Amino acid sequence: MIVKRTISKDELQDFPKAAFPGRIHVIQSETETLKAVSYLQSQSVVGIDSETRPSFTKGRTYKVALLQISSEECCFLFRLNMIGLPRPLIDFLENPAVVKVGLSLKDDFMMLRKRAAFTPRNYIELQDYVNQFEIKDKSLQKIYGILFKEKISKSQRLSNWEADVLTDSQKQYAATDAWACLNIYNLLEELKRNGDYEIEE
């Protein structure tokens, strides 16, 4: 496989859309949280991301509303605006046995800490991780485009993540972002293991 160092916005436009193909579970109670975390603790690697309600008023900010954690088959959307950051989720984020892969994780963790204190363990920041493959682009869209020749839609980014009910488009968008991080990591690990890639000159 040829790994490009960078990709243009025009190239991205021509790609088909990426979409999470698995099951999406919206988590908004303590019981659901326990079940979801029990499943996630059994995984070796997961993708992780978060969403915050955008503020269109100067000086007004919101706490992180959604935490997405995805395996290859299932993505859990934890509605933190409804459940806060409960102990089982904190235990998961601090669990050194599960690798958590994401992009701009420092920002995500900083926002999550406004809900509760925790010390994240065993996480991989994709913006650093892709350096060993000489990928210069640092956005999720561009890294994904380089590796999979698919584009990740950003159409729901500024939607209301604290809405009473999330739309199907919001759910798909949120799940795809977390799953895309996992996909990127899994593919790069495989290429590294097999030595099956060349960096484009």
N, C-alpha and C. Protein backbone atom coordinates (compact mmCIF):
# COMPACT_ATOMS: atom_id res chain seq x y z
N MET A 1 0.86 -1.20 0.00
CA MET A 1 0.00 0.00 0.00
C MET A 1 0.89 1.25 0.00
N ILE A 2 0.52 2.22 -0.82
CA ILE A 2 1.24 3.50 -0.85
C ILE A 2 0.58 4.45 0.15
N VAL A 3 1.36 4.97 1.08
CA VAL A 3 0.82 5.92 2.06
C VAL A 3 1.26 7.33 1.66
N LYS A 4 0.27 8.18 1.37
CA LYS A 4 0.58 9.56 0.98
C LYS A 4 0.89 10.39 2.22
N ARG A 5 1.72 11.40 2.03
CA ARG A 5 2.04 12.28 3.16
C ARG A 5 0.92 13.28 3.42
N THR A 6 0.24 13.67 2.35
CA THR A 6 -0.78 14.71 2.47
C THR A 6 -1.83 14.55 1.38
N ILE A 7 -2.98 15.15 1.59
CA ILE A 7 -4.07 15.04 0.61
C ILE A 7 -4.78 16.40 0.54
N SER A 8 -5.27 16.75 -0.64
CA SER A 8 -5.93 18.05 -0.80
C SER A 8 -7.43 17.93 -0.53
N LYS A 9 -8.05 19.08 -0.24
CA LYS A 9 -9.51 19.09 -0.02
C LYS A 9 -10.24 18.65 -1.27
N ASP A 10 -9.71 19.01 -2.43
CA ASP A 10 -10.35 18.63 -3.70
C ASP A 10 -10.38 17.12 -3.87
N GLU A 11 -9.26 16.47 -3.53
CA GLU A 11 -9.21 15.01 -3.62
C GLU A 11 -10.25 14.37 -2.70
N LEU A 12 -10.34 14.92 -1.48
CA LEU A 12 -11.30 14.38 -0.50
C LEU A 12 -12.73 14.45 -1.02
N GLN A 13 -13.06 15.55 -1.70
CA GLN A 13 -14.43 15.78 -2.18
C GLN A 13 -14.93 14.64 -3.07
N ASP A 14 -14.01 14.02 -3.81
CA ASP A 14 -14.42 12.99 -4.78
C ASP A 14 -14.63 11.61 -4.15
N PHE A 15 -14.25 11.47 -2.90
CA PHE A 15 -14.35 10.15 -2.26
C PHE A 15 -15.79 9.87 -1.80
N PRO A 16 -16.16 8.58 -1.74
CA PRO A 16 -17.47 8.23 -1.15
C PRO A 16 -17.44 8.47 0.35
N LYS A 17 -18.64 8.62 0.93
CA LYS A 17 -18.73 8.89 2.37
C LYS A 17 -18.46 7.65 3.20
N ALA A 18 -17.73 7.84 4.30
CA ALA A 18 -17.52 6.75 5.27
C ALA A 18 -18.69 6.76 6.24
N ALA A 19 -19.13 5.58 6.66
CA ALA A 19 -20.23 5.50 7.64
C ALA A 19 -20.04 4.28 8.52
N PHE A 20 -20.18 4.47 9.82
CA PHE A 20 -20.06 3.36 10.76
C PHE A 20 -21.11 2.29 10.42
N PRO A 21 -20.68 1.03 10.20
CA PRO A 21 -21.62 0.00 9.75
C PRO A 21 -22.25 -0.82 10.89
N GLY A 22 -21.80 -0.58 12.13
CA GLY A 22 -22.26 -1.44 13.23
C GLY A 22 -23.49 -0.92 13.95
N ARG A 23 -23.70 -1.42 15.17
CA ARG A 23 -24.86 -1.03 15.96
C ARG A 23 -24.51 0.17 16.84
N ILE A 24 -25.44 1.11 16.90
CA ILE A 24 -25.22 2.31 17.71
C ILE A 24 -26.16 2.27 18.91
N HIS A 25 -25.60 2.40 20.11
CA HIS A 25 -26.41 2.38 21.33
C HIS A 25 -26.31 3.74 22.02
N VAL A 26 -27.45 4.36 22.25
CA VAL A 26 -27.47 5.64 22.98
C VAL A 26 -27.64 5.33 24.46
N ILE A 27 -26.71 5.83 25.28
CA ILE A 27 -26.68 5.49 26.71
C ILE A 27 -27.08 6.72 27.53
N GLN A 28 -28.21 6.59 28.25
CA GLN A 28 -28.66 7.74 29.05
C GLN A 28 -29.21 7.36 30.42
N SER A 29 -28.73 6.20 30.93
CA SER A 29 -29.10 5.84 32.31
C SER A 29 -27.95 5.06 32.94
N GLU A 30 -28.03 4.92 34.26
CA GLU A 30 -26.98 4.22 35.01
C GLU A 30 -26.89 2.74 34.60
N THR A 31 -28.06 2.12 34.45
CA THR A 31 -28.09 0.70 34.09
C THR A 31 -27.47 0.47 32.72
N GLU A 32 -27.82 1.33 31.76
CA GLU A 32 -27.26 1.21 30.41
C GLU A 32 -25.75 1.43 30.43
N THR A 33 -25.31 2.37 31.28
CA THR A 33 -23.88 2.66 31.39
C THR A 33 -23.12 1.43 31.87
N LEU A 34 -23.63 0.77 32.90
CA LEU A 34 -22.97 -0.42 33.44
C LEU A 34 -22.84 -1.52 32.39
N LYS A 35 -23.92 -1.74 31.63
CA LYS A 35 -23.91 -2.78 30.58
C LYS A 35 -22.89 -2.44 29.50
N ALA A 36 -22.91 -1.17 29.06
CA ALA A 36 -22.01 -0.74 27.99
C ALA A 36 -20.55 -0.85 28.42
N VAL A 37 -20.26 -0.38 29.64
CA VAL A 37 -18.88 -0.41 30.13
C VAL A 37 -18.40 -1.85 30.31
N SER A 38 -19.28 -2.71 30.74
CA SER A 38 -18.93 -4.13 30.91
C SER A 38 -18.47 -4.71 29.56
N TYR A 39 -19.17 -4.36 28.48
CA TYR A 39 -18.78 -4.81 27.14
C TYR A 39 -17.43 -4.18 26.74
N LEU A 40 -17.31 -2.87 26.96
CA LEU A 40 -16.09 -2.16 26.53
C LEU A 40 -14.85 -2.64 27.27
N GLN A 41 -15.00 -3.02 28.54
CA GLN A 41 -13.85 -3.50 29.32
C GLN A 41 -13.29 -4.80 28.73
N SER A 42 -14.09 -5.49 27.92
CA SER A 42 -13.63 -6.76 27.35
C SER A 42 -12.88 -6.56 26.02
N GLN A 43 -12.83 -5.33 25.53
CA GLN A 43 -12.16 -5.04 24.26
C GLN A 43 -10.67 -4.78 24.50
N SER A 44 -9.84 -5.03 23.47
CA SER A 44 -8.41 -4.70 23.62
C SER A 44 -8.12 -3.28 23.14
N VAL A 45 -8.86 -2.83 22.11
CA VAL A 45 -8.67 -1.47 21.57
C VAL A 45 -10.03 -0.88 21.23
N VAL A 46 -10.22 0.42 21.50
CA VAL A 46 -11.46 1.11 21.12
C VAL A 46 -11.11 2.49 20.54
N GLY A 47 -12.04 3.02 19.75
CA GLY A 47 -11.92 4.40 19.28
C GLY A 47 -12.73 5.29 20.19
N ILE A 48 -12.28 6.54 20.36
CA ILE A 48 -12.95 7.42 21.31
C ILE A 48 -13.01 8.85 20.77
N ASP A 49 -14.11 9.53 21.06
CA ASP A 49 -14.28 10.92 20.62
C ASP A 49 -15.34 11.56 21.51
N SER A 50 -15.49 12.88 21.40
CA SER A 50 -16.54 13.55 22.19
C SER A 50 -17.15 14.69 21.38
N GLU A 51 -18.34 15.11 21.78
CA GLU A 51 -19.03 16.24 21.12
C GLU A 51 -19.53 17.19 22.20
N THR A 52 -19.47 18.48 21.89
CA THR A 52 -19.96 19.52 22.79
C THR A 52 -20.92 20.42 22.04
N ARG A 53 -21.98 20.82 22.71
CA ARG A 53 -22.93 21.74 22.08
C ARG A 53 -22.21 23.03 21.69
N PRO A 54 -22.34 23.46 20.43
CA PRO A 54 -21.66 24.69 20.03
C PRO A 54 -22.31 25.92 20.68
N SER A 55 -21.51 26.92 20.95
CA SER A 55 -22.05 28.16 21.51
C SER A 55 -21.94 29.25 20.47
N PHE A 56 -23.05 29.91 20.24
CA PHE A 56 -23.05 31.01 19.26
C PHE A 56 -23.15 32.36 19.98
N THR A 57 -22.96 32.32 21.31
CA THR A 57 -23.00 33.55 22.12
C THR A 57 -21.64 33.76 22.77
N LYS A 58 -21.10 34.95 22.61
CA LYS A 58 -19.77 35.25 23.16
C LYS A 58 -19.76 35.04 24.67
N GLY A 59 -18.71 34.35 25.15
CA GLY A 59 -18.55 34.15 26.59
C GLY A 59 -19.34 32.98 27.15
N ARG A 60 -20.19 32.37 26.32
CA ARG A 60 -20.98 31.22 26.81
C ARG A 60 -20.36 29.91 26.32
N THR A 61 -20.12 29.00 27.23
CA THR A 61 -19.59 27.69 26.83
C THR A 61 -20.43 26.60 27.48
N TYR A 62 -20.35 25.42 26.92
CA TYR A 62 -21.09 24.27 27.44
C TYR A 62 -20.11 23.17 27.82
N LYS A 63 -20.54 22.30 28.72
CA LYS A 63 -19.73 21.13 29.06
C LYS A 63 -19.91 20.09 27.96
N VAL A 64 -18.94 19.18 27.88
CA VAL A 64 -19.03 18.12 26.87
C VAL A 64 -20.34 17.35 27.07
N ALA A 65 -21.05 17.12 25.95
CA ALA A 65 -22.39 16.53 26.02
C ALA A 65 -22.40 15.04 25.70
N LEU A 66 -21.43 14.61 24.87
CA LEU A 66 -21.48 13.23 24.38
C LEU A 66 -20.07 12.65 24.37
N LEU A 67 -19.97 11.41 24.83
CA LEU A 67 -18.71 10.66 24.73
C LEU A 67 -18.99 9.43 23.89
N GLN A 68 -18.28 9.30 22.77
CA GLN A 68 -18.48 8.14 21.90
C GLN A 68 -17.32 7.18 22.06
N ILE A 69 -17.65 5.92 22.30
CA ILE A 69 -16.61 4.88 22.40
C ILE A 69 -17.03 3.72 21.50
N SER A 70 -16.13 3.35 20.57
CA SER A 70 -16.51 2.37 19.55
C SER A 70 -15.57 1.18 19.47
N SER A 71 -16.17 0.00 19.33
CA SER A 71 -15.41 -1.18 18.91
C SER A 71 -15.68 -1.31 17.40
N GLU A 72 -15.27 -2.40 16.80
CA GLU A 72 -15.56 -2.55 15.36
C GLU A 72 -17.04 -2.84 15.13
N GLU A 73 -17.70 -3.43 16.12
CA GLU A 73 -19.12 -3.84 15.93
C GLU A 73 -20.13 -2.88 16.53
N CYS A 74 -19.77 -2.26 17.66
CA CYS A 74 -20.75 -1.43 18.40
C CYS A 74 -20.15 -0.08 18.76
N CYS A 75 -21.00 0.95 18.71
CA CYS A 75 -20.56 2.24 19.22
C CYS A 75 -21.55 2.70 20.28
N PHE A 76 -21.03 3.13 21.43
CA PHE A 76 -21.87 3.60 22.53
C PHE A 76 -21.76 5.12 22.61
N LEU A 77 -22.92 5.76 22.60
CA LEU A 77 -22.97 7.22 22.71
C LEU A 77 -23.46 7.55 24.12
N PHE A 78 -22.53 7.95 24.98
CA PHE A 78 -22.87 8.26 26.37
C PHE A 78 -23.30 9.73 26.45
N ARG A 79 -24.57 9.95 26.84
CA ARG A 79 -25.12 11.31 26.89
C ARG A 79 -24.77 11.96 28.23
N LEU A 80 -23.59 12.54 28.28
CA LEU A 80 -23.06 13.06 29.54
C LEU A 80 -23.89 14.23 30.07
N ASN A 81 -24.59 14.93 29.18
CA ASN A 81 -25.45 16.02 29.65
C ASN A 81 -26.62 15.48 30.48
N MET A 82 -26.90 14.17 30.35
CA MET A 82 -27.98 13.54 31.11
C MET A 82 -27.44 12.73 32.30
N ILE A 83 -26.27 12.08 32.10
CA ILE A 83 -25.80 11.16 33.15
C ILE A 83 -24.52 11.65 33.85
N GLY A 84 -23.95 12.78 33.39
CA GLY A 84 -22.67 13.22 33.95
C GLY A 84 -21.57 12.26 33.51
N LEU A 85 -20.46 12.23 34.27
CA LEU A 85 -19.39 11.27 33.98
C LEU A 85 -19.37 10.27 35.14
N PRO A 86 -20.16 9.19 35.01
CA PRO A 86 -20.32 8.26 36.15
C PRO A 86 -19.08 7.42 36.41
N ARG A 87 -19.01 6.87 37.62
CA ARG A 87 -17.84 6.10 38.07
C ARG A 87 -17.45 4.97 37.09
N PRO A 88 -18.41 4.18 36.58
CA PRO A 88 -17.99 3.10 35.66
C PRO A 88 -17.24 3.63 34.44
N LEU A 89 -17.66 4.79 33.92
CA LEU A 89 -16.97 5.38 32.76
C LEU A 89 -15.58 5.86 33.15
N ILE A 90 -15.46 6.45 34.34
CA ILE A 90 -14.15 6.90 34.82
C ILE A 90 -13.22 5.68 34.95
N ASP A 91 -13.75 4.60 35.53
CA ASP A 91 -12.95 3.37 35.67
C ASP A 91 -12.46 2.88 34.31
N PHE A 92 -13.33 2.99 33.31
CA PHE A 92 -12.95 2.55 31.97
C PHE A 92 -11.83 3.43 31.40
N LEU A 93 -11.98 4.76 31.52
CA LEU A 93 -10.97 5.68 30.99
C LEU A 93 -9.63 5.50 31.70
N GLU A 94 -9.68 5.01 32.94
CA GLU A 94 -8.44 4.81 33.71
C GLU A 94 -7.91 3.37 33.60
N ASN A 95 -8.61 2.53 32.84
CA ASN A 95 -8.22 1.12 32.74
C ASN A 95 -7.01 0.95 31.81
N PRO A 96 -5.85 0.51 32.34
CA PRO A 96 -4.66 0.38 31.49
C PRO A 96 -4.72 -0.81 30.54
N ALA A 97 -5.72 -1.70 30.71
CA ALA A 97 -5.78 -2.91 29.89
C ALA A 97 -6.43 -2.67 28.52
N VAL A 98 -7.12 -1.54 28.36
CA VAL A 98 -7.79 -1.26 27.08
C VAL A 98 -7.12 -0.05 26.43
N VAL A 99 -6.67 -0.22 25.18
CA VAL A 99 -6.08 0.90 24.44
C VAL A 99 -7.21 1.80 23.91
N LYS A 100 -7.07 3.11 24.17
CA LYS A 100 -8.08 4.06 23.69
C LYS A 100 -7.44 4.96 22.65
N VAL A 101 -8.00 4.94 21.43
CA VAL A 101 -7.39 5.67 20.32
C VAL A 101 -8.28 6.85 19.94
N GLY A 102 -7.68 8.02 19.80
CA GLY A 102 -8.48 9.19 19.42
C GLY A 102 -7.62 10.26 18.79
N LEU A 103 -8.26 11.37 18.45
CA LEU A 103 -7.56 12.50 17.83
C LEU A 103 -7.85 13.75 18.65
N SER A 104 -6.83 14.53 18.95
CA SER A 104 -6.96 15.70 19.85
C SER A 104 -7.49 15.26 21.23
N LEU A 105 -6.94 14.17 21.73
CA LEU A 105 -7.42 13.61 23.00
C LEU A 105 -7.17 14.54 24.19
N LYS A 106 -6.09 15.33 24.12
CA LYS A 106 -5.83 16.26 25.23
C LYS A 106 -7.02 17.19 25.42
N ASP A 107 -7.57 17.67 24.30
CA ASP A 107 -8.74 18.57 24.37
C ASP A 107 -9.95 17.82 24.93
N ASP A 108 -10.15 16.58 24.44
CA ASP A 108 -11.29 15.78 24.92
C ASP A 108 -11.18 15.55 26.43
N PHE A 109 -9.99 15.16 26.88
CA PHE A 109 -9.81 14.87 28.31
C PHE A 109 -9.97 16.13 29.16
N MET A 110 -9.50 17.24 28.62
CA MET A 110 -9.64 18.52 29.36
C MET A 110 -11.12 18.85 29.54
N MET A 111 -11.91 18.66 28.49
CA MET A 111 -13.35 18.93 28.57
C MET A 111 -14.04 17.94 29.53
N LEU A 112 -13.65 16.66 29.44
CA LEU A 112 -14.26 15.64 30.30
C LEU A 112 -13.95 15.90 31.78
N ARG A 113 -12.76 16.44 32.04
CA ARG A 113 -12.39 16.72 33.44
C ARG A 113 -13.21 17.83 34.06
N LYS A 114 -13.90 18.60 33.24
CA LYS A 114 -14.80 19.62 33.79
C LYS A 114 -16.04 18.97 34.38
N ARG A 115 -16.25 17.70 34.05
CA ARG A 115 -17.38 16.95 34.63
C ARG A 115 -16.95 16.13 35.85
N ALA A 116 -15.72 15.58 35.80
CA ALA A 116 -15.21 14.79 36.93
C ALA A 116 -13.71 14.59 36.76
N ALA A 117 -12.99 14.46 37.87
CA ALA A 117 -11.54 14.27 37.81
C ALA A 117 -11.23 12.81 37.48
N PHE A 118 -10.25 12.59 36.61
CA PHE A 118 -9.79 11.24 36.31
C PHE A 118 -8.40 11.32 35.67
N THR A 119 -7.70 10.19 35.63
CA THR A 119 -6.38 10.12 35.01
C THR A 119 -6.43 9.09 33.89
N PRO A 120 -6.52 9.53 32.63
CA PRO A 120 -6.62 8.56 31.52
C PRO A 120 -5.37 7.71 31.40
N ARG A 121 -5.58 6.43 31.12
CA ARG A 121 -4.43 5.53 30.96
C ARG A 121 -4.52 4.77 29.64
N ASN A 122 -3.35 4.48 29.09
CA ASN A 122 -3.21 3.69 27.85
C ASN A 122 -4.02 4.26 26.69
N TYR A 123 -3.67 5.46 26.30
CA TYR A 123 -4.35 6.06 25.14
C TYR A 123 -3.33 6.42 24.06
N ILE A 124 -3.80 6.45 22.82
CA ILE A 124 -2.94 6.76 21.67
C ILE A 124 -3.49 7.96 20.95
N GLU A 125 -2.66 8.98 20.81
CA GLU A 125 -3.02 10.20 20.10
C GLU A 125 -2.63 10.03 18.63
N LEU A 126 -3.64 9.94 17.76
CA LEU A 126 -3.36 9.68 16.34
C LEU A 126 -2.51 10.75 15.68
N GLN A 127 -2.64 12.00 16.12
CA GLN A 127 -1.85 13.06 15.50
C GLN A 127 -0.35 12.81 15.71
N ASP A 128 0.02 12.17 16.82
CA ASP A 128 1.42 11.80 17.04
C ASP A 128 1.75 10.47 16.36
N TYR A 129 0.81 9.55 16.46
CA TYR A 129 1.03 8.17 15.98
C TYR A 129 1.33 8.14 14.47
N VAL A 130 0.65 9.01 13.69
CA VAL A 130 0.83 8.97 12.22
C VAL A 130 2.19 9.50 11.78
N ASN A 131 2.93 10.15 12.70
CA ASN A 131 4.25 10.68 12.33
C ASN A 131 5.19 9.60 11.84
N GLN A 132 5.08 8.39 12.44
CA GLN A 132 6.01 7.31 12.03
C GLN A 132 5.75 6.84 10.60
N PHE A 133 4.59 7.22 10.04
CA PHE A 133 4.28 6.89 8.64
C PHE A 133 4.47 8.11 7.74
N GLU A 134 5.05 9.17 8.33
CA GLU A 134 5.34 10.43 7.63
C GLU A 134 4.09 11.11 7.08
N ILE A 135 2.92 10.81 7.69
CA ILE A 135 1.68 11.51 7.30
C ILE A 135 1.72 12.90 7.92
N LYS A 136 1.63 13.91 7.06
CA LYS A 136 1.75 15.30 7.54
C LYS A 136 0.40 15.89 7.97
N ASP A 137 -0.68 15.42 7.35
CA ASP A 137 -2.00 15.96 7.70
C ASP A 137 -2.41 15.47 9.08
N LYS A 138 -3.08 16.34 9.85
CA LYS A 138 -3.40 15.98 11.23
C LYS A 138 -4.91 15.93 11.51
N SER A 139 -5.74 16.24 10.53
CA SER A 139 -7.20 16.18 10.78
C SER A 139 -7.69 14.75 10.53
N LEU A 140 -8.74 14.37 11.25
CA LEU A 140 -9.31 13.03 11.08
C LEU A 140 -9.74 12.81 9.64
N GLN A 141 -10.39 13.82 9.05
CA GLN A 141 -10.87 13.72 7.67
C GLN A 141 -9.74 13.37 6.71
N LYS A 142 -8.63 14.10 6.85
CA LYS A 142 -7.52 13.92 5.89
C LYS A 142 -6.77 12.61 6.13
N ILE A 143 -6.53 12.27 7.39
CA ILE A 143 -5.83 11.00 7.67
C ILE A 143 -6.68 9.84 7.13
N TYR A 144 -8.00 9.92 7.39
CA TYR A 144 -8.89 8.84 6.93
C TYR A 144 -8.92 8.77 5.40
N GLY A 145 -8.95 9.95 4.77
CA GLY A 145 -8.96 10.01 3.30
C GLY A 145 -7.70 9.39 2.71
N ILE A 146 -6.55 9.69 3.30
CA ILE A 146 -5.28 9.15 2.82
C ILE A 146 -5.29 7.62 2.87
N LEU A 147 -5.79 7.07 3.97
CA LEU A 147 -5.70 5.62 4.19
C LEU A 147 -6.83 4.81 3.58
N PHE A 148 -8.04 5.40 3.53
CA PHE A 148 -9.20 4.60 3.12
C PHE A 148 -9.89 5.11 1.85
N LYS A 149 -9.44 6.28 1.35
CA LYS A 149 -10.08 6.88 0.16
C LYS A 149 -11.60 7.02 0.35
N GLU A 150 -11.95 7.43 1.57
CA GLU A 150 -13.35 7.76 1.90
C GLU A 150 -13.34 9.07 2.67
N LYS A 151 -14.47 9.78 2.62
CA LYS A 151 -14.51 11.06 3.35
C LYS A 151 -15.47 10.97 4.53
N ILE A 152 -15.10 11.67 5.59
CA ILE A 152 -15.93 11.71 6.80
C ILE A 152 -16.69 13.03 6.78
N SER A 153 -18.01 12.92 6.82
CA SER A 153 -18.85 14.13 6.77
C SER A 153 -18.72 14.91 8.08
N LYS A 154 -18.71 16.23 7.96
CA LYS A 154 -18.66 17.09 9.15
C LYS A 154 -19.96 17.88 9.31
N SER A 155 -21.00 17.45 8.60
CA SER A 155 -22.24 18.25 8.52
C SER A 155 -22.95 18.42 9.86
N GLN A 156 -22.76 17.48 10.81
CA GLN A 156 -23.50 17.56 12.08
C GLN A 156 -22.68 18.19 13.21
N ARG A 157 -21.44 18.59 12.91
CA ARG A 157 -20.53 19.02 13.98
C ARG A 157 -21.12 20.13 14.84
N LEU A 158 -21.79 21.08 14.19
CA LEU A 158 -22.33 22.24 14.94
C LEU A 158 -23.80 22.08 15.30
N SER A 159 -24.28 20.84 15.33
CA SER A 159 -25.68 20.63 15.71
C SER A 159 -25.78 20.62 17.25
N ASN A 160 -27.00 20.59 17.76
CA ASN A 160 -27.21 20.66 19.22
C ASN A 160 -27.06 19.27 19.86
N TRP A 161 -25.92 19.06 20.51
CA TRP A 161 -25.64 17.76 21.12
C TRP A 161 -26.35 17.58 22.46
N GLU A 162 -27.08 18.60 22.90
CA GLU A 162 -27.86 18.47 24.14
C GLU A 162 -29.36 18.34 23.85
N ALA A 163 -29.72 18.15 22.60
CA ALA A 163 -31.14 17.99 22.23
C ALA A 163 -31.74 16.83 23.01
N ASP A 164 -33.06 16.92 23.27
CA ASP A 164 -33.73 15.84 24.03
C ASP A 164 -33.52 14.48 23.38
N VAL A 165 -33.62 14.47 22.04
CA VAL A 165 -33.42 13.22 21.29
C VAL A 165 -32.42 13.50 20.17
N LEU A 166 -31.41 12.67 20.06
CA LEU A 166 -30.44 12.84 18.97
C LEU A 166 -31.04 12.31 17.67
N THR A 167 -30.79 13.02 16.58
CA THR A 167 -31.29 12.56 15.28
C THR A 167 -30.43 11.39 14.78
N ASP A 168 -30.96 10.66 13.81
CA ASP A 168 -30.18 9.55 13.22
C ASP A 168 -28.89 10.08 12.61
N SER A 169 -28.95 11.27 12.01
CA SER A 169 -27.74 11.86 11.39
C SER A 169 -26.69 12.17 12.45
N GLN A 170 -27.14 12.70 13.60
CA GLN A 170 -26.19 12.98 14.70
C GLN A 170 -25.55 11.67 15.19
N LYS A 171 -26.39 10.66 15.38
CA LYS A 171 -25.88 9.37 15.89
C LYS A 171 -24.84 8.78 14.93
N GLN A 172 -25.17 8.81 13.65
CA GLN A 172 -24.26 8.24 12.64
C GLN A 172 -22.95 9.02 12.58
N TYR A 173 -23.07 10.34 12.64
CA TYR A 173 -21.88 11.21 12.62
C TYR A 173 -20.97 10.92 13.81
N ALA A 174 -21.57 10.88 15.01
CA ALA A 174 -20.80 10.69 16.24
C ALA A 174 -20.13 9.31 16.26
N ALA A 175 -20.87 8.29 15.86
CA ALA A 175 -20.33 6.93 15.85
C ALA A 175 -19.20 6.80 14.82
N THR A 176 -19.38 7.40 13.67
CA THR A 176 -18.38 7.31 12.60
C THR A 176 -17.05 7.91 13.03
N ASP A 177 -17.10 9.04 13.74
CA ASP A 177 -15.86 9.69 14.19
C ASP A 177 -15.05 8.79 15.13
N ALA A 178 -15.71 8.17 16.10
CA ALA A 178 -14.99 7.30 17.06
C ALA A 178 -14.47 6.04 16.36
N TRP A 179 -15.31 5.46 15.52
CA TRP A 179 -14.95 4.23 14.79
C TRP A 179 -13.81 4.50 13.81
N ALA A 180 -13.82 5.68 13.19
CA ALA A 180 -12.76 6.03 12.22
C ALA A 180 -11.39 6.05 12.89
N CYS A 181 -11.33 6.52 14.14
CA CYS A 181 -10.06 6.53 14.89
C CYS A 181 -9.55 5.11 15.07
N LEU A 182 -10.46 4.21 15.42
CA LEU A 182 -10.10 2.79 15.61
C LEU A 182 -9.64 2.17 14.29
N ASN A 183 -10.36 2.47 13.22
CA ASN A 183 -10.03 1.96 11.88
C ASN A 183 -8.63 2.37 11.45
N ILE A 184 -8.31 3.65 11.67
CA ILE A 184 -7.00 4.19 11.29
C ILE A 184 -5.90 3.43 12.04
N TYR A 185 -6.09 3.31 13.35
CA TYR A 185 -5.09 2.65 14.18
C TYR A 185 -4.90 1.19 13.76
N ASN A 186 -6.01 0.47 13.57
CA ASN A 186 -5.93 -0.95 13.20
C ASN A 186 -5.21 -1.15 11.87
N LEU A 187 -5.51 -0.30 10.89
CA LEU A 187 -4.87 -0.44 9.58
C LEU A 187 -3.37 -0.15 9.68
N LEU A 188 -3.00 0.94 10.37
CA LEU A 188 -1.59 1.29 10.48
C LEU A 188 -0.80 0.24 11.25
N GLU A 189 -1.41 -0.33 12.29
CA GLU A 189 -0.75 -1.40 13.05
C GLU A 189 -0.50 -2.61 12.15
N GLU A 190 -1.48 -2.91 11.30
CA GLU A 190 -1.36 -4.06 10.38
C GLU A 190 -0.25 -3.80 9.35
N LEU A 191 -0.22 -2.58 8.79
CA LEU A 191 0.82 -2.23 7.81
C LEU A 191 2.20 -2.33 8.44
N LYS A 192 2.29 -1.86 9.69
CA LYS A 192 3.57 -1.87 10.41
C LYS A 192 4.02 -3.32 10.66
N ARG A 193 3.05 -4.14 11.09
CA ARG A 193 3.35 -5.55 11.40
C ARG A 193 3.86 -6.29 10.16
N ASN A 194 3.19 -6.04 9.02
CA ASN A 194 3.52 -6.76 7.79
C ASN A 194 4.60 -6.07 6.95
N GLY A 195 4.92 -4.83 7.34
CA GLY A 195 5.88 -4.04 6.55
C GLY A 195 5.35 -3.81 5.14
N ASP A 196 4.02 -3.81 5.02
CA ASP A 196 3.38 -3.84 3.72
C ASP A 196 2.97 -2.43 3.23
N TYR A 197 3.91 -1.49 3.24
CA TYR A 197 3.56 -0.14 2.77
C TYR A 197 4.80 0.62 2.32
N GLU A 198 4.56 1.62 1.49
CA GLU A 198 5.63 2.53 1.07
C GLU A 198 5.14 3.95 1.28
N ILE A 199 6.05 4.83 1.66
CA ILE A 199 5.68 6.25 1.80
C ILE A 199 5.81 6.89 0.42
N GLU A 200 4.78 7.61 0.00
CA GLU A 200 4.84 8.25 -1.32
C GLU A 200 5.91 9.34 -1.30
N GLU A 201 6.75 9.34 -2.32
CA GLU A 201 7.81 10.37 -2.41
C GLU A 201 7.23 11.71 -2.85
